[in-house]
């Protein structure tokens, strides 16, 4: 069963299941949670995959929820498609490198 609430930040209507207790929509919850976590980063601890530092996203471990660093949107989505599977990423690198030799 769902309950209807209004997000306490943006006033968007949200539907919550019985077990959820937040009064924030998903977008506001993420912004609130991640902005507090990003404040704990120092410039030296930000890690990037590519050189693009525009439109940074917070990268986190989907099992522990621990924030790993900041990535550009494309790199973050790319890792998401691989579901943090390092073996699959290694195979993808080998595939790309083999294509360069031909």
C-alpha atoms as a PDB file:
ATOM      1  CA  UNK A   1       0.000   0.000   0.000  1.00  0.00           C
ATOM      2  CA  UNK A   2       1.217   3.497  -0.816  1.00  0.00           C
ATOM      3  CA  UNK A   3       0.882   6.745   1.053  1.00  0.00           C
ATOM      4  CA  UNK A   4       1.029  10.104  -0.687  1.00  0.00           C
ATOM      5  CA  UNK A   5       3.305  12.800   0.734  1.00  0.00           C
ATOM      6  CA  UNK A   6       4.717  16.099  -0.427  1.00  0.00           C
ATOM      7  CA  UNK A   7       8.517  16.406  -0.616  1.00  0.00           C
ATOM      8  CA  UNK A   8       9.586  18.779   2.135  1.00  0.00           C
ATOM      9  CA  UNK A   9      12.177  20.425  -0.147  1.00  0.00           C
ATOM     10  CA  UNK A  10      10.704  20.721  -3.660  1.00  0.00           C
ATOM     11  CA  UNK A  11       6.992  20.131  -2.881  1.00  0.00           C
ATOM     12  CA  UNK A  12       6.769  17.315  -5.430  1.00  0.00           C
ATOM     13  CA  UNK A  13       4.111  14.692  -4.724  1.00  0.00           C
ATOM     14  CA  UNK A  14       5.716  11.373  -3.731  1.00  0.00           C
ATOM     15  CA  UNK A  15       4.322   7.926  -3.131  1.00  0.00           C
ATOM     16  CA  UNK A  16       5.856   5.990  -0.272  1.00  0.00           C
ATOM     17  CA  UNK A  17       5.546   2.359   0.662  1.00  0.00           C
ATOM     18  CA  UNK A  18       4.702   1.442   4.226  1.00  0.00           C
ATOM     19  CA  UNK A  19       8.353   0.825   5.158  1.00  0.00           C
ATOM     20  CA  UNK A  20       9.790   4.133   3.905  1.00  0.00           C
ATOM     21  CA  UNK A  21      10.050   6.964   6.351  1.00  0.00           C
ATOM     22  CA  UNK A  22      11.653   9.789   4.358  1.00  0.00           C
ATOM     23  CA  UNK A  23       9.624  12.818   3.354  1.00  0.00           C
ATOM     24  CA  UNK A  24      11.966  13.696   0.479  1.00  0.00           C
ATOM     25  CA  UNK A  25      11.548  12.763  -3.163  1.00  0.00           C
ATOM     26  CA  UNK A  26      14.314  10.601  -4.606  1.00  0.00           C
ATOM     27  CA  UNK A  27      16.059  13.522  -6.318  1.00  0.00           C
ATOM     28  CA  UNK A  28      16.122  15.714  -3.211  1.00  0.00           C
ATOM     29  CA  UNK A  29      17.182  12.786  -1.028  1.00  0.00           C
ATOM     30  CA  UNK A  30      20.185  12.078  -3.287  1.00  0.00           C
ATOM     31  CA  UNK A  31      21.173  15.744  -3.464  1.00  0.00           C
ATOM     32  CA  UNK A  32      20.906  16.089   0.305  1.00  0.00           C
ATOM     33  CA  UNK A  33      22.787  12.847   1.065  1.00  0.00           C
ATOM     34  CA  UNK A  34      25.512  13.286  -1.530  1.00  0.00           C
ATOM     35  CA  UNK A  35      26.095  16.990  -0.980  1.00  0.00           C
ATOM     36  CA  UNK A  36      26.888  16.292   2.679  1.00  0.00           C
ATOM     37  CA  UNK A  37      29.210  13.467   1.646  1.00  0.00           C
ATOM     38  CA  UNK A  38      30.954  15.519  -1.055  1.00  0.00           C
ATOM     39  CA  UNK A  39      31.784  18.157   1.545  1.00  0.00           C
ATOM     40  CA  UNK A  40      34.033  15.543   3.170  1.00  0.00           C
ATOM     41  CA  UNK A  41      36.168  15.238  -0.005  1.00  0.00           C
ATOM     42  CA  UNK A  42      39.339  17.209  -0.441  1.00  0.00           C
ATOM     43  CA  UNK A  43      40.606  18.156  -3.886  1.00  0.00           C
ATOM     44  CA  UNK A  44      43.311  15.497  -3.665  1.00  0.00           C
ATOM     45  CA  UNK A  45      40.843  12.705  -2.985  1.00  0.00           C
ATOM     46  CA  UNK A  46      38.722  13.252  -6.105  1.00  0.00           C
ATOM     47  CA  UNK A  47      39.363  10.488  -8.586  1.00  0.00           C
ATOM     48  CA  UNK A  48      38.570  10.683 -12.281  1.00  0.00           C
ATOM     49  CA  UNK A  49      38.654   8.143 -15.105  1.00  0.00           C
ATOM     50  CA  UNK A  50      38.763  10.657 -17.943  1.00  0.00           C
ATOM     51  CA  UNK A  51      39.900  14.268 -18.154  1.00  0.00           C
ATOM     52  CA  UNK A  52      36.395  15.705 -18.317  1.00  0.00           C
ATOM     53  CA  UNK A  53      35.544  17.382 -15.050  1.00  0.00           C
ATOM     54  CA  UNK A  54      32.218  18.837 -16.165  1.00  0.00           C
ATOM     55  CA  UNK A  55      28.920  17.503 -14.868  1.00  0.00           C
ATOM     56  CA  UNK A  56      30.460  15.386 -12.127  1.00  0.00           C
ATOM     57  CA  UNK A  57      28.489  12.574 -10.537  1.00  0.00           C
ATOM     58  CA  UNK A  58      28.996  10.899  -7.203  1.00  0.00           C
ATOM     59  CA  UNK A  59      30.209   7.336  -7.699  1.00  0.00           C
ATOM     60  CA  UNK A  60      29.363   4.896  -4.918  1.00  0.00           C
ATOM     61  CA  UNK A  61      29.571   1.202  -4.144  1.00  0.00           C
ATOM     62  CA  UNK A  62      26.107  -0.263  -4.673  1.00  0.00           C
ATOM     63  CA  UNK A  63      26.584  -2.856  -1.948  1.00  0.00           C
ATOM     64  CA  UNK A  64      28.027  -0.750   0.866  1.00  0.00           C
ATOM     65  CA  UNK A  65      26.771   2.661  -0.264  1.00  0.00           C
ATOM     66  CA  UNK A  66      30.275   4.056   0.379  1.00  0.00           C
ATOM     67  CA  UNK A  67      31.208   6.940  -1.896  1.00  0.00           C
ATOM     68  CA  UNK A  68      34.291   6.194  -4.015  1.00  0.00           C
ATOM     69  CA  UNK A  69      34.760   9.540  -5.702  1.00  0.00           C
ATOM     70  CA  UNK A  70      33.537  11.852  -8.408  1.00  0.00           C
ATOM     71  CA  UNK A  71      33.263  10.872 -12.073  1.00  0.00           C
ATOM     72  CA  UNK A  72      31.946  12.547 -15.182  1.00  0.00           C
ATOM     73  CA  UNK A  73      28.421  11.451 -16.058  1.00  0.00           C
ATOM     74  CA  UNK A  74      29.531   9.230 -18.987  1.00  0.00           C
ATOM     75  CA  UNK A  75      32.163   7.382 -16.941  1.00  0.00           C
ATOM     76  CA  UNK A  76      29.730   6.869 -14.078  1.00  0.00           C
ATOM     77  CA  UNK A  77      27.057   5.462 -16.403  1.00  0.00           C
ATOM     78  CA  UNK A  78      29.676   3.266 -18.118  1.00  0.00           C
ATOM     79  CA  UNK A  79      30.698   1.715 -14.816  1.00  0.00           C
ATOM     80  CA  UNK A  80      27.032   1.225 -13.994  1.00  0.00           C
ATOM     81  CA  UNK A  81      26.517  -0.824 -17.154  1.00  0.00           C
ATOM     82  CA  UNK A  82      29.365  -3.104 -16.071  1.00  0.00           C
ATOM     83  CA  UNK A  83      27.796  -3.422 -12.593  1.00  0.00           C
ATOM     84  CA  UNK A  84      31.224  -2.925 -10.955  1.00  0.00           C
ATOM     85  CA  UNK A  85      32.400  -6.234 -12.467  1.00  0.00           C
ATOM     86  CA  UNK A  86      36.184  -5.828 -12.752  1.00  0.00           C
ATOM     87  CA  UNK A  87      36.526  -9.037 -14.809  1.00  0.00           C
ATOM     88  CA  UNK A  88      34.088  -7.699 -17.411  1.00  0.00           C
ATOM     89  CA  UNK A  89      35.910  -4.356 -17.455  1.00  0.00           C
ATOM     90  CA  UNK A  90      39.254  -6.121 -17.946  1.00  0.00           C
ATOM     91  CA  UNK A  91      37.781  -8.141 -20.821  1.00  0.00           C
ATOM     92  CA  UNK A  92      36.412  -4.937 -22.361  1.00  0.00           C
ATOM     93  CA  UNK A  93      39.889  -3.360 -22.219  1.00  0.00           C
ATOM     94  CA  UNK A  94      41.432  -6.450 -23.851  1.00  0.00           C
ATOM     95  CA  UNK A  95      38.751  -6.339 -26.556  1.00  0.00           C
ATOM     96  CA  UNK A  96      39.466  -2.673 -27.307  1.00  0.00           C
ATOM     97  CA  UNK A  97      43.235  -3.194 -27.322  1.00  0.00           C
ATOM     98  CA  UNK A  98      42.928  -6.174 -29.687  1.00  0.00           C
ATOM     99  CA  UNK A  99      40.908  -3.994 -32.076  1.00  0.00           C
ATOM    100  CA  UNK A 100      43.737  -1.429 -32.220  1.00  0.00           C
ATOM    101  CA  UNK A 101      46.212  -4.068 -33.521  1.00  0.00           C
ATOM    102  CA  UNK A 102      44.090  -4.868 -36.593  1.00  0.00           C
END
